[in-house]
């Protein structure tokens, strides 16, 4: 079965950095498009970044130039490097893959203090 396990969240001051990791299993990782979403209280879940099996990347406008998504197919892991963090980046971050349906990790909390 598909499993996605995130780690790396935490509390950081504005301007700081964090790196999130997501270890995947249960599907062919190397050819799968992997996504990072986030959700803040009272807001809808939003797509932050995506990376295809060919490592093509896309980003939400709000994080362009600050966040970098990458993958290591030898470790079945996708990363989200977050730099120049802002208080508005505070959210639960979720790893995602879409197969016959969406699969989600358990989420990892990122809190950015001002």
PDB file of N, CA and C in Angstrom:
ATOM      1  N   UNK A   1       0.846  -1.188   0.000  1.00  0.00           N
ATOM      2  CA  UNK A   1       0.000   0.000   0.000  1.00  0.00           C
ATOM      3  C   UNK A   1       0.888   1.248   0.000  1.00  0.00           C
ATOM      4  N   UNK A   2       0.308   2.336  -0.505  1.00  0.00           N
ATOM      5  CA  UNK A   2       1.033   3.592  -0.584  1.00  0.00           C
ATOM      6  C   UNK A   2       1.204   4.171   0.815  1.00  0.00           C
ATOM      7  N   UNK A   3       2.435   4.549   1.119  1.00  0.00           N
ATOM      8  CA  UNK A   3       2.718   5.236   2.378  1.00  0.00           C
ATOM      9  C   UNK A   3       3.612   6.430   2.105  1.00  0.00           C
ATOM     10  N   UNK A   4       3.290   7.532   2.759  1.00  0.00           N
ATOM     11  CA  UNK A   4       4.075   8.753   2.670  1.00  0.00           C
ATOM     12  C   UNK A   4       4.327   9.234   4.097  1.00  0.00           C
ATOM     13  N   UNK A   5       5.595   9.412   4.452  1.00  0.00           N
ATOM     14  CA  UNK A   5       5.943   9.796   5.816  1.00  0.00           C
ATOM     15  C   UNK A   5       6.793  11.060   5.772  1.00  0.00           C
ATOM     16  N   UNK A   6       6.224  12.163   6.269  1.00  0.00           N
ATOM     17  CA  UNK A   6       6.920  13.450   6.286  1.00  0.00           C
ATOM     18  C   UNK A   6       7.698  13.632   7.580  1.00  0.00           C
ATOM     19  N   UNK A   7       8.724  14.461   7.502  1.00  0.00           N
ATOM     20  CA  UNK A   7       9.473  14.883   8.675  1.00  0.00           C
ATOM     21  C   UNK A   7      10.135  16.214   8.379  1.00  0.00           C
ATOM     22  N   UNK A   8      10.625  16.864   9.425  1.00  0.00           N
ATOM     23  CA  UNK A   8      11.415  18.068   9.241  1.00  0.00           C
ATOM     24  C   UNK A   8      10.746  19.370   9.616  1.00  0.00           C
ATOM     25  N   UNK A   9       9.483  19.313  10.003  1.00  0.00           N
ATOM     26  CA  UNK A   9       8.819  20.543  10.413  1.00  0.00           C
ATOM     27  C   UNK A   9       9.345  21.042  11.751  1.00  0.00           C
ATOM     28  N   UNK A  10       8.867  22.223  12.144  1.00  0.00           N
ATOM     29  CA  UNK A  10       9.289  22.769  13.425  1.00  0.00           C
ATOM     30  C   UNK A  10       8.973  24.241  13.526  1.00  0.00           C
ATOM     31  N   UNK A  11       9.555  24.855  14.539  1.00  0.00           N
ATOM     32  CA  UNK A  11       9.377  26.283  14.802  1.00  0.00           C
ATOM     33  C   UNK A  11      10.636  27.016  14.386  1.00  0.00           C
ATOM     34  N   UNK A  12      10.455  28.082  13.600  1.00  0.00           N
ATOM     35  CA  UNK A  12      11.599  28.840  13.113  1.00  0.00           C
ATOM     36  C   UNK A  12      11.219  30.313  13.082  1.00  0.00           C
ATOM     37  N   UNK A  13      12.206  31.163  13.239  1.00  0.00           N
ATOM     38  CA  UNK A  13      11.950  32.597  13.146  1.00  0.00           C
ATOM     39  C   UNK A  13      11.844  33.029  11.689  1.00  0.00           C
ATOM     40  N   UNK A  14      11.153  34.110  11.470  1.00  0.00           N
ATOM     41  CA  UNK A  14      11.046  34.669  10.122  1.00  0.00           C
ATOM     42  C   UNK A  14      12.443  34.898   9.548  1.00  0.00           C
ATOM     43  N   UNK A  15      12.595  34.543   8.273  1.00  0.00           N
ATOM     44  CA  UNK A  15      13.889  34.638   7.625  1.00  0.00           C
ATOM     45  C   UNK A  15      14.708  33.365   7.706  1.00  0.00           C
ATOM     46  N   UNK A  16      14.267  32.426   8.515  1.00  0.00           N
ATOM     47  CA  UNK A  16      14.988  31.176   8.681  1.00  0.00           C
ATOM     48  C   UNK A  16      14.668  30.153   7.614  1.00  0.00           C
ATOM     49  N   UNK A  17      15.216  28.955   7.811  1.00  0.00           N
ATOM     50  CA  UNK A  17      15.077  27.879   6.823  1.00  0.00           C
ATOM     51  C   UNK A  17      14.696  26.572   7.500  1.00  0.00           C
ATOM     52  N   UNK A  18      14.015  25.746   6.733  1.00  0.00           N
ATOM     53  CA  UNK A  18      13.716  24.377   7.135  1.00  0.00           C
ATOM     54  C   UNK A  18      13.764  23.501   5.896  1.00  0.00           C
ATOM     55  N   UNK A  19      14.043  22.225   6.090  1.00  0.00           N
ATOM     56  CA  UNK A  19      13.955  21.263   5.006  1.00  0.00           C
ATOM     57  C   UNK A  19      13.024  20.132   5.407  1.00  0.00           C
ATOM     58  N   UNK A  20      11.995  19.963   4.627  1.00  0.00           N
ATOM     59  CA  UNK A  20      11.057  18.865   4.843  1.00  0.00           C
ATOM     60  C   UNK A  20      11.458  17.671   3.987  1.00  0.00           C
ATOM     61  N   UNK A  21      11.204  16.487   4.512  1.00  0.00           N
ATOM     62  CA  UNK A  21      11.461  15.248   3.787  1.00  0.00           C
ATOM     63  C   UNK A  21      10.203  14.399   3.773  1.00  0.00           C
ATOM     64  N   UNK A  22      10.067  13.616   2.719  1.00  0.00           N
ATOM     65  CA  UNK A  22       8.935  12.695   2.613  1.00  0.00           C
ATOM     66  C   UNK A  22       9.462  11.390   2.015  1.00  0.00           C
ATOM     67  N   UNK A  23       9.386  10.333   2.810  1.00  0.00           N
ATOM     68  CA  UNK A  23       9.807   9.016   2.339  1.00  0.00           C
ATOM     69  C   UNK A  23       8.575   8.269   1.844  1.00  0.00           C
ATOM     70  N   UNK A  24       8.662   7.767   0.623  1.00  0.00           N
ATOM     71  CA  UNK A  24       7.526   7.123  -0.030  1.00  0.00           C
ATOM     72  C   UNK A  24       7.755   5.624  -0.195  1.00  0.00           C
ATOM     73  N   UNK A  25       6.665   4.878  -0.192  1.00  0.00           N
ATOM     74  CA  UNK A  25       6.730   3.443  -0.452  1.00  0.00           C
ATOM     75  C   UNK A  25       5.400   2.966  -1.004  1.00  0.00           C
ATOM     76  N   UNK A  26       5.425   1.790  -1.630  1.00  0.00           N
ATOM     77  CA  UNK A  26       4.194   1.182  -2.118  1.00  0.00           C
ATOM     78  C   UNK A  26       3.841   1.483  -3.560  1.00  0.00           C
ATOM     79  N   UNK A  27       4.704   2.215  -4.243  1.00  0.00           N
ATOM     80  CA  UNK A  27       4.485   2.520  -5.656  1.00  0.00           C
ATOM     81  C   UNK A  27       5.842   2.806  -6.302  1.00  0.00           C
ATOM     82  N   UNK A  28       5.824   2.943  -7.630  1.00  0.00           N
ATOM     83  CA  UNK A  28       7.079   3.195  -8.350  1.00  0.00           C
ATOM     84  C   UNK A  28       7.398   4.672  -8.237  1.00  0.00           C
ATOM     85  N   UNK A  29       8.250   4.996  -7.296  1.00  0.00           N
ATOM     86  CA  UNK A  29       8.525   6.388  -6.953  1.00  0.00           C
ATOM     87  C   UNK A  29       9.174   7.151  -8.115  1.00  0.00           C
ATOM     88  N   UNK A  30      10.117   6.526  -8.789  1.00  0.00           N
ATOM     89  CA  UNK A  30      10.975   7.250  -9.732  1.00  0.00           C
ATOM     90  C   UNK A  30      10.201   7.863 -10.900  1.00  0.00           C
ATOM     91  N   UNK A  31       9.047   7.322 -11.238  1.00  0.00           N
ATOM     92  CA  UNK A  31       8.290   7.845 -12.375  1.00  0.00           C
ATOM     93  C   UNK A  31       7.078   8.652 -11.935  1.00  0.00           C
ATOM     94  N   UNK A  32       6.956   8.859 -10.640  1.00  0.00           N
ATOM     95  CA  UNK A  32       5.762   9.512 -10.093  1.00  0.00           C
ATOM     96  C   UNK A  32       5.991  10.989  -9.845  1.00  0.00           C
ATOM     97  N   UNK A  33       5.006  11.798 -10.198  1.00  0.00           N
ATOM     98  CA  UNK A  33       5.020  13.206  -9.818  1.00  0.00           C
ATOM     99  C   UNK A  33       4.677  13.312  -8.342  1.00  0.00           C
ATOM    100  N   UNK A  34       5.523  14.011  -7.609  1.00  0.00           N
ATOM    101  CA  UNK A  34       5.341  14.187  -6.172  1.00  0.00           C
ATOM    102  C   UNK A  34       5.019  15.653  -5.887  1.00  0.00           C
ATOM    103  N   UNK A  35       4.170  15.852  -4.899  1.00  0.00           N
ATOM    104  CA  UNK A  35       3.690  17.193  -4.586  1.00  0.00           C
ATOM    105  C   UNK A  35       3.835  17.488  -3.099  1.00  0.00           C
ATOM    106  N   UNK A  36       4.012  18.757  -2.795  1.00  0.00           N
ATOM    107  CA  UNK A  36       3.884  19.280  -1.437  1.00  0.00           C
ATOM    108  C   UNK A  36       2.703  20.242  -1.415  1.00  0.00           C
ATOM    109  N   UNK A  37       1.810  20.023  -0.466  1.00  0.00           N
ATOM    110  CA  UNK A  37       0.689  20.913  -0.212  1.00  0.00           C
ATOM    111  C   UNK A  37       0.852  21.488   1.200  1.00  0.00           C
ATOM    112  N   UNK A  38       0.089  22.528   1.480  1.00  0.00           N
ATOM    113  CA  UNK A  38       0.032  23.054   2.841  1.00  0.00           C
ATOM    114  C   UNK A  38      -1.377  23.528   3.146  1.00  0.00           C
ATOM    115  N   UNK A  39      -1.679  23.524   4.442  1.00  0.00           N
ATOM    116  CA  UNK A  39      -2.996  23.986   4.883  1.00  0.00           C
ATOM    117  C   UNK A  39      -2.865  24.748   6.183  1.00  0.00           C
ATOM    118  N   UNK A  40      -3.378  25.979   6.171  1.00  0.00           N
ATOM    119  CA  UNK A  40      -3.422  26.817   7.366  1.00  0.00           C
ATOM    120  C   UNK A  40      -4.823  26.759   7.942  1.00  0.00           C
ATOM    121  N   UNK A  41      -4.969  27.045   9.248  1.00  0.00           N
ATOM    122  CA  UNK A  41      -6.302  27.027   9.860  1.00  0.00           C
ATOM    123  C   UNK A  41      -7.278  27.942   9.127  1.00  0.00           C
ATOM    124  N   UNK A  42      -8.424  27.412   8.788  1.00  0.00           N
ATOM    125  CA  UNK A  42      -9.456  28.203   8.127  1.00  0.00           C
ATOM    126  C   UNK A  42      -9.263  28.395   6.640  1.00  0.00           C
ATOM    127  N   UNK A  43      -8.211  27.809   6.095  1.00  0.00           N
ATOM    128  CA  UNK A  43      -7.935  27.944   4.671  1.00  0.00           C
ATOM    129  C   UNK A  43      -7.965  26.593   3.978  1.00  0.00           C
ATOM    130  N   UNK A  44      -8.177  26.635   2.671  1.00  0.00           N
ATOM    131  CA  UNK A  44      -8.147  25.398   1.902  1.00  0.00           C
ATOM    132  C   UNK A  44      -6.707  24.923   1.719  1.00  0.00           C
ATOM    133  N   UNK A  45      -6.583  23.623   1.513  1.00  0.00           N
ATOM    134  CA  UNK A  45      -5.264  23.067   1.236  1.00  0.00           C
ATOM    135  C   UNK A  45      -4.792  23.583  -0.118  1.00  0.00           C
ATOM    136  N   UNK A  46      -3.548  24.037  -0.193  1.00  0.00           N
ATOM    137  CA  UNK A  46      -3.035  24.600  -1.437  1.00  0.00           C
ATOM    138  C   UNK A  46      -1.770  23.868  -1.873  1.00  0.00           C
ATOM    139  N   UNK A  47      -1.621  23.780  -3.200  1.00  0.00           N
ATOM    140  CA  UNK A  47      -0.440  23.156  -3.780  1.00  0.00           C
ATOM    141  C   UNK A  47       0.728  24.138  -3.699  1.00  0.00           C
ATOM    142  N   UNK A  48       1.830  23.677  -3.129  1.00  0.00           N
ATOM    143  CA  UNK A  48       3.013  24.520  -2.951  1.00  0.00           C
ATOM    144  C   UNK A  48       4.036  24.268  -4.056  1.00  0.00           C
ATOM    145  N   UNK A  49       4.320  22.995  -4.327  1.00  0.00           N
ATOM    146  CA  UNK A  49       5.353  22.651  -5.304  1.00  0.00           C
ATOM    147  C   UNK A  49       5.138  21.236  -5.798  1.00  0.00           C
ATOM    148  N   UNK A  50       5.588  21.003  -7.037  1.00  0.00           N
ATOM    149  CA  UNK A  50       5.501  19.681  -7.649  1.00  0.00           C
ATOM    150  C   UNK A  50       6.801  19.361  -8.361  1.00  0.00           C
ATOM    151  N   UNK A  51       7.098  18.068  -8.453  1.00  0.00           N
ATOM    152  CA  UNK A  51       8.270  17.622  -9.202  1.00  0.00           C
ATOM    153  C   UNK A  51       7.897  16.340  -9.939  1.00  0.00           C
ATOM    154  N   UNK A  52       8.159  16.337 -11.240  1.00  0.00           N
ATOM    155  CA  UNK A  52       7.828  15.160 -12.041  1.00  0.00           C
ATOM    156  C   UNK A  52       8.925  14.106 -11.927  1.00  0.00           C
ATOM    157  N   UNK A  53       8.679  12.960 -12.537  1.00  0.00           N
ATOM    158  CA  UNK A  53       9.700  11.919 -12.570  1.00  0.00           C
ATOM    159  C   UNK A  53      10.956  12.360 -13.311  1.00  0.00           C
ATOM    160  N   UNK A  54      10.790  13.312 -14.235  1.00  0.00           N
ATOM    161  CA  UNK A  54      11.935  13.857 -14.962  1.00  0.00           C
ATOM    162  C   UNK A  54      12.560  15.045 -14.236  1.00  0.00           C
ATOM    163  N   UNK A  55      12.066  15.306 -13.025  1.00  0.00           N
ATOM    164  CA  UNK A  55      12.553  16.400 -12.172  1.00  0.00           C
ATOM    165  C   UNK A  55      12.203  17.788 -12.695  1.00  0.00           C
ATOM    166  N   UNK A  56      11.169  17.892 -13.499  1.00  0.00           N
ATOM    167  CA  UNK A  56      10.624  19.211 -13.821  1.00  0.00           C
ATOM    168  C   UNK A  56       9.836  19.703 -12.612  1.00  0.00           C
ATOM    169  N   UNK A  57       9.982  20.982 -12.307  1.00  0.00           N
ATOM    170  CA  UNK A  57       9.376  21.518 -11.091  1.00  0.00           C
ATOM    171  C   UNK A  57       8.429  22.681 -11.382  1.00  0.00           C
ATOM    172  N   UNK A  58       7.421  22.814 -10.538  1.00  0.00           N
ATOM    173  CA  UNK A  58       6.528  23.966 -10.571  1.00  0.00           C
ATOM    174  C   UNK A  58       6.283  24.420  -9.140  1.00  0.00           C
ATOM    175  N   UNK A  59       5.997  25.730  -8.998  1.00  0.00           N
ATOM    176  CA  UNK A  59       5.824  26.315  -7.676  1.00  0.00           C
ATOM    177  C   UNK A  59       4.630  27.258  -7.655  1.00  0.00           C
ATOM    178  N   UNK A  60       4.021  27.357  -6.489  1.00  0.00           N
ATOM    179  CA  UNK A  60       3.041  28.400  -6.276  1.00  0.00           C
ATOM    180  C   UNK A  60       3.751  29.753  -6.310  1.00  0.00           C
ATOM    181  N   UNK A  61       3.058  30.769  -6.792  1.00  0.00           N
ATOM    182  CA  UNK A  61       3.665  32.101  -6.890  1.00  0.00           C
ATOM    183  C   UNK A  61       4.161  32.582  -5.526  1.00  0.00           C
ATOM    184  N   UNK A  62       3.467  32.216  -4.479  1.00  0.00           N
ATOM    185  CA  UNK A  62       3.800  32.706  -3.145  1.00  0.00           C
ATOM    186  C   UNK A  62       5.130  32.173  -2.615  1.00  0.00           C
ATOM    187  N   UNK A  63       5.656  31.112  -3.216  1.00  0.00           N
ATOM    188  CA  UNK A  63       6.900  30.531  -2.705  1.00  0.00           C
ATOM    189  C   UNK A  63       8.038  30.545  -3.734  1.00  0.00           C
ATOM    190  N   UNK A  64       7.756  31.008  -4.931  1.00  0.00           N
ATOM    191  CA  UNK A  64       8.798  31.031  -5.968  1.00  0.00           C
ATOM    192  C   UNK A  64       9.995  31.836  -5.502  1.00  0.00           C
ATOM    193  N   UNK A  65      11.173  31.276  -5.743  1.00  0.00           N
ATOM    194  CA  UNK A  65      12.408  31.954  -5.358  1.00  0.00           C
ATOM    195  C   UNK A  65      12.817  31.719  -3.923  1.00  0.00           C
ATOM    196  N   UNK A  66      11.922  31.120  -3.123  1.00  0.00           N
ATOM    197  CA  UNK A  66      12.237  30.853  -1.711  1.00  0.00           C
ATOM    198  C   UNK A  66      12.272  29.352  -1.408  1.00  0.00           C
ATOM    199  N   UNK A  67      11.404  28.588  -2.058  1.00  0.00           N
ATOM    200  CA  UNK A  67      11.309  27.151  -1.813  1.00  0.00           C
ATOM    201  C   UNK A  67      11.884  26.392  -3.005  1.00  0.00           C
ATOM    202  N   UNK A  68      12.472  25.235  -2.709  1.00  0.00           N
ATOM    203  CA  UNK A  68      12.991  24.349  -3.758  1.00  0.00           C
ATOM    204  C   UNK A  68      12.564  22.914  -3.475  1.00  0.00           C
ATOM    205  N   UNK A  69      11.911  22.318  -4.446  1.00  0.00           N
ATOM    206  CA  UNK A  69      11.538  20.906  -4.337  1.00  0.00           C
ATOM    207  C   UNK A  69      12.576  20.071  -5.083  1.00  0.00           C
ATOM    208  N   UNK A  70      12.926  18.931  -4.515  1.00  0.00           N
ATOM    209  CA  UNK A  70      13.886  18.041  -5.150  1.00  0.00           C
ATOM    210  C   UNK A  70      13.557  16.600  -4.768  1.00  0.00           C
ATOM    211  N   UNK A  71      14.229  15.668  -5.409  1.00  0.00           N
ATOM    212  CA  UNK A  71      13.959  14.262  -5.127  1.00  0.00           C
ATOM    213  C   UNK A  71      15.234  13.457  -5.203  1.00  0.00           C
ATOM    214  N   UNK A  72      15.260  12.355  -4.472  1.00  0.00           N
ATOM    215  CA  UNK A  72      16.354  11.387  -4.522  1.00  0.00           C
ATOM    216  C   UNK A  72      15.702  10.028  -4.764  1.00  0.00           C
ATOM    217  N   UNK A  73      15.773   9.572  -6.006  1.00  0.00           N
ATOM    218  CA  UNK A  73      15.092   8.326  -6.352  1.00  0.00           C
ATOM    219  C   UNK A  73      15.768   7.107  -5.728  1.00  0.00           C
ATOM    220  N   UNK A  74      17.022   7.241  -5.319  1.00  0.00           N
ATOM    221  CA  UNK A  74      17.692   6.115  -4.665  1.00  0.00           C
ATOM    222  C   UNK A  74      17.162   5.917  -3.242  1.00  0.00           C
ATOM    223  N   UNK A  75      16.560   6.970  -2.697  1.00  0.00           N
ATOM    224  CA  UNK A  75      16.031   6.902  -1.335  1.00  0.00           C
ATOM    225  C   UNK A  75      14.509   6.996  -1.291  1.00  0.00           C
ATOM    226  N   UNK A  76      13.874   7.032  -2.458  1.00  0.00           N
ATOM    227  CA  UNK A  76      12.416   7.199  -2.509  1.00  0.00           C
ATOM    228  C   UNK A  76      11.965   8.386  -1.653  1.00  0.00           C
ATOM    229  N   UNK A  77      12.684   9.473  -1.790  1.00  0.00           N
ATOM    230  CA  UNK A  77      12.445  10.631  -0.922  1.00  0.00           C
ATOM    231  C   UNK A  77      12.307  11.900  -1.746  1.00  0.00           C
ATOM    232  N   UNK A  78      11.337  12.718  -1.352  1.00  0.00           N
ATOM    233  CA  UNK A  78      11.174  14.047  -1.932  1.00  0.00           C
ATOM    234  C   UNK A  78      11.391  15.073  -0.819  1.00  0.00           C
ATOM    235  N   UNK A  79      12.012  16.172  -1.169  1.00  0.00           N
ATOM    236  CA  UNK A  79      12.382  17.207  -0.212  1.00  0.00           C
ATOM    237  C   UNK A  79      11.707  18.530  -0.572  1.00  0.00           C
ATOM    238  N   UNK A  80      11.559  19.366   0.427  1.00  0.00           N
ATOM    239  CA  UNK A  80      11.153  20.750   0.218  1.00  0.00           C
ATOM    240  C   UNK A  80      12.063  21.631   1.070  1.00  0.00           C
ATOM    241  N   UNK A  81      12.986  22.295   0.399  1.00  0.00           N
ATOM    242  CA  UNK A  81      13.870  23.246   1.072  1.00  0.00           C
ATOM    243  C   UNK A  81      13.156  24.588   1.116  1.00  0.00           C
ATOM    244  N   UNK A  82      12.976  25.116   2.309  1.00  0.00           N
ATOM    245  CA  UNK A  82      12.231  26.364   2.499  1.00  0.00           C
ATOM    246  C   UNK A  82      13.164  27.402   3.105  1.00  0.00           C
ATOM    247  N   UNK A  83      13.438  28.444   2.357  1.00  0.00           N
ATOM    248  CA  UNK A  83      14.305  29.530   2.802  1.00  0.00           C
ATOM    249  C   UNK A  83      13.499  30.824   2.923  1.00  0.00           C
ATOM    250  N   UNK A  84      14.075  31.777   3.606  1.00  0.00           N
ATOM    251  CA  UNK A  84      13.435  33.099   3.786  1.00  0.00           C
ATOM    252  C   UNK A  84      11.980  32.932   4.231  1.00  0.00           C
ATOM    253  N   UNK A  85      11.795  32.117   5.225  1.00  0.00           N
ATOM    254  CA  UNK A  85      10.439  31.807   5.674  1.00  0.00           C
ATOM    255  C   UNK A  85       9.743  33.043   6.242  1.00  0.00           C
ATOM    256  N   UNK A  86       8.431  33.095   6.012  1.00  0.00           N
ATOM    257  CA  UNK A  86       7.603  34.199   6.464  1.00  0.00           C
ATOM    258  C   UNK A  86       6.510  33.647   7.396  1.00  0.00           C
ATOM    259  N   UNK A  87       5.973  34.488   8.265  1.00  0.00           N
ATOM    260  CA  UNK A  87       4.884  34.016   9.137  1.00  0.00           C
ATOM    261  C   UNK A  87       3.720  33.412   8.350  1.00  0.00           C
ATOM    262  N   UNK A  88       3.463  33.935   7.165  1.00  0.00           N
ATOM    263  CA  UNK A  88       2.357  33.398   6.358  1.00  0.00           C
ATOM    264  C   UNK A  88       2.649  32.016   5.779  1.00  0.00           C
ATOM    265  N   UNK A  89       3.869  31.514   5.943  1.00  0.00           N
ATOM    266  CA  UNK A  89       4.179  30.140   5.546  1.00  0.00           C
ATOM    267  C   UNK A  89       3.760  29.138   6.622  1.00  0.00           C
ATOM    268  N   UNK A  90       3.344  29.630   7.765  1.00  0.00           N
ATOM    269  CA  UNK A  90       2.897  28.746   8.842  1.00  0.00           C
ATOM    270  C   UNK A  90       1.726  27.891   8.381  1.00  0.00           C
ATOM    271  N   UNK A  91       1.872  26.583   8.502  1.00  0.00           N
ATOM    272  CA  UNK A  91       0.845  25.647   8.022  1.00  0.00           C
ATOM    273  C   UNK A  91       1.276  24.222   8.358  1.00  0.00           C
ATOM    274  N   UNK A  92       0.364  23.307   8.155  1.00  0.00           N
ATOM    275  CA  UNK A  92       0.725  21.891   8.119  1.00  0.00           C
ATOM    276  C   UNK A  92       1.059  21.553   6.673  1.00  0.00           C
ATOM    277  N   UNK A  93       2.216  20.970   6.467  1.00  0.00           N
ATOM    278  CA  UNK A  93       2.687  20.631   5.124  1.00  0.00           C
ATOM    279  C   UNK A  93       2.496  19.124   4.885  1.00  0.00           C
ATOM    280  N   UNK A  94       1.940  18.819   3.716  1.00  0.00           N
ATOM    281  CA  UNK A  94       1.614  17.437   3.371  1.00  0.00           C
ATOM    282  C   UNK A  94       2.320  17.006   2.085  1.00  0.00           C
ATOM    283  N   UNK A  95       2.857  15.824   2.123  1.00  0.00           N
ATOM    284  CA  UNK A  95       3.383  15.180   0.927  1.00  0.00           C
ATOM    285  C   UNK A  95       2.217  14.484   0.222  1.00  0.00           C
ATOM    286  N   UNK A  96       2.249  14.459  -1.104  1.00  0.00           N
ATOM    287  CA  UNK A  96       1.113  13.927  -1.871  1.00  0.00           C
ATOM    288  C   UNK A  96       1.583  13.254  -3.147  1.00  0.00           C
ATOM    289  N   UNK A  97       0.875  12.191  -3.495  1.00  0.00           N
ATOM    290  CA  UNK A  97       1.028  11.587  -4.817  1.00  0.00           C
ATOM    291  C   UNK A  97      -0.370  11.200  -5.285  1.00  0.00           C
ATOM    292  N   UNK A  98      -0.593  11.356  -6.573  1.00  0.00           N
ATOM    293  CA  UNK A  98      -1.899  10.988  -7.109  1.00  0.00           C
ATOM    294  C   UNK A  98      -1.737   9.784  -8.022  1.00  0.00           C
ATOM    295  N   UNK A  99      -2.423   8.719  -7.670  1.00  0.00           N
ATOM    296  CA  UNK A  99      -2.467   7.520  -8.494  1.00  0.00           C
ATOM    297  C   UNK A  99      -3.908   7.349  -8.961  1.00  0.00           C
ATOM    298  N   UNK A 100      -4.577   6.315  -8.554  1.00  0.00           N
ATOM    299  CA  UNK A 100      -6.010   6.205  -8.848  1.00  0.00           C
ATOM    300  C   UNK A 100      -6.789   7.193  -7.982  1.00  0.00           C
ATOM    301  N   UNK A 101      -6.173   7.624  -6.931  1.00  0.00           N
ATOM    302  CA  UNK A 101      -6.719   8.673  -6.055  1.00  0.00           C
ATOM    303  C   UNK A 101      -5.542   9.407  -5.427  1.00  0.00           C
ATOM    304  N   UNK A 102      -5.843  10.469  -4.688  1.00  0.00           N
ATOM    305  CA  UNK A 102      -4.812  11.187  -3.946  1.00  0.00           C
ATOM    306  C   UNK A 102      -4.405  10.391  -2.708  1.00  0.00           C
ATOM    307  N   UNK A 103      -3.114  10.327  -2.452  1.00  0.00           N
ATOM    308  CA  UNK A 103      -2.580   9.769  -1.227  1.00  0.00           C
ATOM    309  C   UNK A 103      -1.843  10.884  -0.485  1.00  0.00           C
ATOM    310  N   UNK A 104      -1.997  10.879   0.847  1.00  0.00           N
ATOM    311  CA  UNK A 104      -1.432  11.940   1.683  1.00  0.00           C
ATOM    312  C   UNK A 104      -0.614  11.358   2.815  1.00  0.00           C
ATOM    313  N   UNK A 105       0.433  12.091   3.201  1.00  0.00           N
ATOM    314  CA  UNK A 105       1.122  11.768   4.423  1.00  0.00           C
ATOM    315  C   UNK A 105       0.355  12.310   5.614  1.00  0.00           C
ATOM    316  N   UNK A 106       0.941  12.137   6.787  1.00  0.00           N
ATOM    317  CA  UNK A 106       0.265  12.568   8.016  1.00  0.00           C
ATOM    318  C   UNK A 106       0.402  14.064   8.257  1.00  0.00           C
ATOM    319  N   UNK A 107       1.312  14.695   7.554  1.00  0.00           N
ATOM    320  CA  UNK A 107       1.527  16.130   7.696  1.00  0.00           C
ATOM    321  C   UNK A 107       2.598  16.443   8.725  1.00  0.00           C
ATOM    322  N   UNK A 108       3.254  17.570   8.519  1.00  0.00           N
ATOM    323  CA  UNK A 108       4.249  18.063   9.469  1.00  0.00           C
ATOM    324  C   UNK A 108       4.034  19.561   9.662  1.00  0.00           C
ATOM    325  N   UNK A 109       4.018  19.986  10.916  1.00  0.00           N
ATOM    326  CA  UNK A 109       3.705  21.375  11.247  1.00  0.00           C
ATOM    327  C   UNK A 109       4.929  22.254  11.044  1.00  0.00           C
ATOM    328  N   UNK A 110       4.731  23.351  10.345  1.00  0.00           N
ATOM    329  CA  UNK A 110       5.744  24.393  10.205  1.00  0.00           C
ATOM    330  C   UNK A 110       5.169  25.670  10.801  1.00  0.00           C
ATOM    331  N   UNK A 111       5.885  26.234  11.765  1.00  0.00           N
ATOM    332  CA  UNK A 111       5.458  27.466  12.403  1.00  0.00           C
ATOM    333  C   UNK A 111       6.577  28.486  12.281  1.00  0.00           C
ATOM    334  N   UNK A 112       6.241  29.644  11.700  1.00  0.00           N
ATOM    335  CA  UNK A 112       7.211  30.709  11.506  1.00  0.00           C
ATOM    336  C   UNK A 112       6.808  31.883  12.384  1.00  0.00           C
ATOM    337  N   UNK A 113       7.666  32.230  13.308  1.00  0.00           N
ATOM    338  CA  UNK A 113       7.364  33.334  14.223  1.00  0.00           C
ATOM    339  C   UNK A 113       7.921  34.640  13.677  1.00  0.00           C
ATOM    340  N   UNK A 114       7.211  35.715  13.983  1.00  0.00           N
ATOM    341  CA  UNK A 114       7.639  37.031  13.472  1.00  0.00           C
ATOM    342  C   UNK A 114       8.580  37.721  14.438  1.00  0.00           C
TER     343      UNK A 114
END
